[in-house]
Amino acid sequence: MIEENTLQVLTLAMLSSKGIKVARLAGNRDFSEKNIKEKKKSLKKCGMLSAAIIISAKKALDEGLEVVDFETGKAITYENADKYVVLVDANHRFKAYLELRKSDDEYEGDFYVMYPLQKNISIAEMLAEINVATDPWKSSDYGKGAAMVIKEKLPLLEAINELTAKGYSLDSTVKWLTFSNKVTKSVLANAMNGQISETLRKENGIERGRRLIAAAKKSFAEDFLKSRNLPDWIISKADDFEGSKAEFEEQMSDFLGNIDRERATDIEKTKGTRGRDSKETIINRKLNALWNKKAA
């Protein structure tokens, strides 16, 4: 095993010479082909400008995290943990590096890593600082990061990750599932550090959100549901509704599932008017007209 010298920059060649392989944390953010392509260009032009952060696989396992071989995806256990280091950051850079080494005969760059300067910080805290403060994630990554380190079963977090994995924005996802905007990036980042908000423990709106999405998909293309425009409008109608929550869900589901495709397409293609009404205002006006017509 390589000695954990926090002031030493290591290369992949040095690790390989000691029989050490690279692993990653299972559940870390998904790879983006666009990001990998950009990293390839950067590596070919400038090489690595800063070392990636690694930790021992045993440390990750001790903290209850799932570790997998970076290339094969095979789970790492205590039996072979001493043969691995785990990338905490720079997963896209390493993926780009591997692809360059395989496909570009002229690329001879090495990959540089180092252990964190602060030894006493937990991996969860490290992830939060690196991926939230230092090198911000996109909003859909926050839920995956939280799920990776939280051991408590949180159905709402699972549902959030299901939708964001399909391309729903975090904002729209939370509104579909909670009828509020209380689960933010900050809430999820705090959860990674063990500060779990009670908002994340609420489950009462999950199935309602799923049913409304299912109804809306009968009329609208799913891409339209992935932004906040439709759930924002639905929430405004719920706030004004005078009946029970069950009655509202029934009426709204019926409404969403029975908009003819021509009208739905018109709503989906709405554009704002410069200097006048915003896209959201026009969408709301069109939906209100259909809603009021149905209620009449």
Foldseek 3Di string as FASTA:
>chain_A
DDDADQVDKDWPVRLVVVLAAEKEFPLADDDDPVLLVVLLVCCVVPNDPDAFAKAQQVLCVVLVTWIAGLPPRHTDDPVCSRRYIYTLDDSSNVVSVVVCVVPPPPDDGIHIYHHHPDPPDRSLLVSLCVDPPNNDDAFLRLLSSLVRNDPDDQVLSVQLNVLVVVPAHSQLSCCLQPVDRPCGSVQSSVSSVVDHDVVSNDRVRHVLSVLLLVLLVLAAPNVLSRYNLVSVLLSVVVVVDDDDPVVSSVLSSVLNNPDHNVLNVVLSPFQADPPDGHNSRVSSVSSVVSSVVVVD
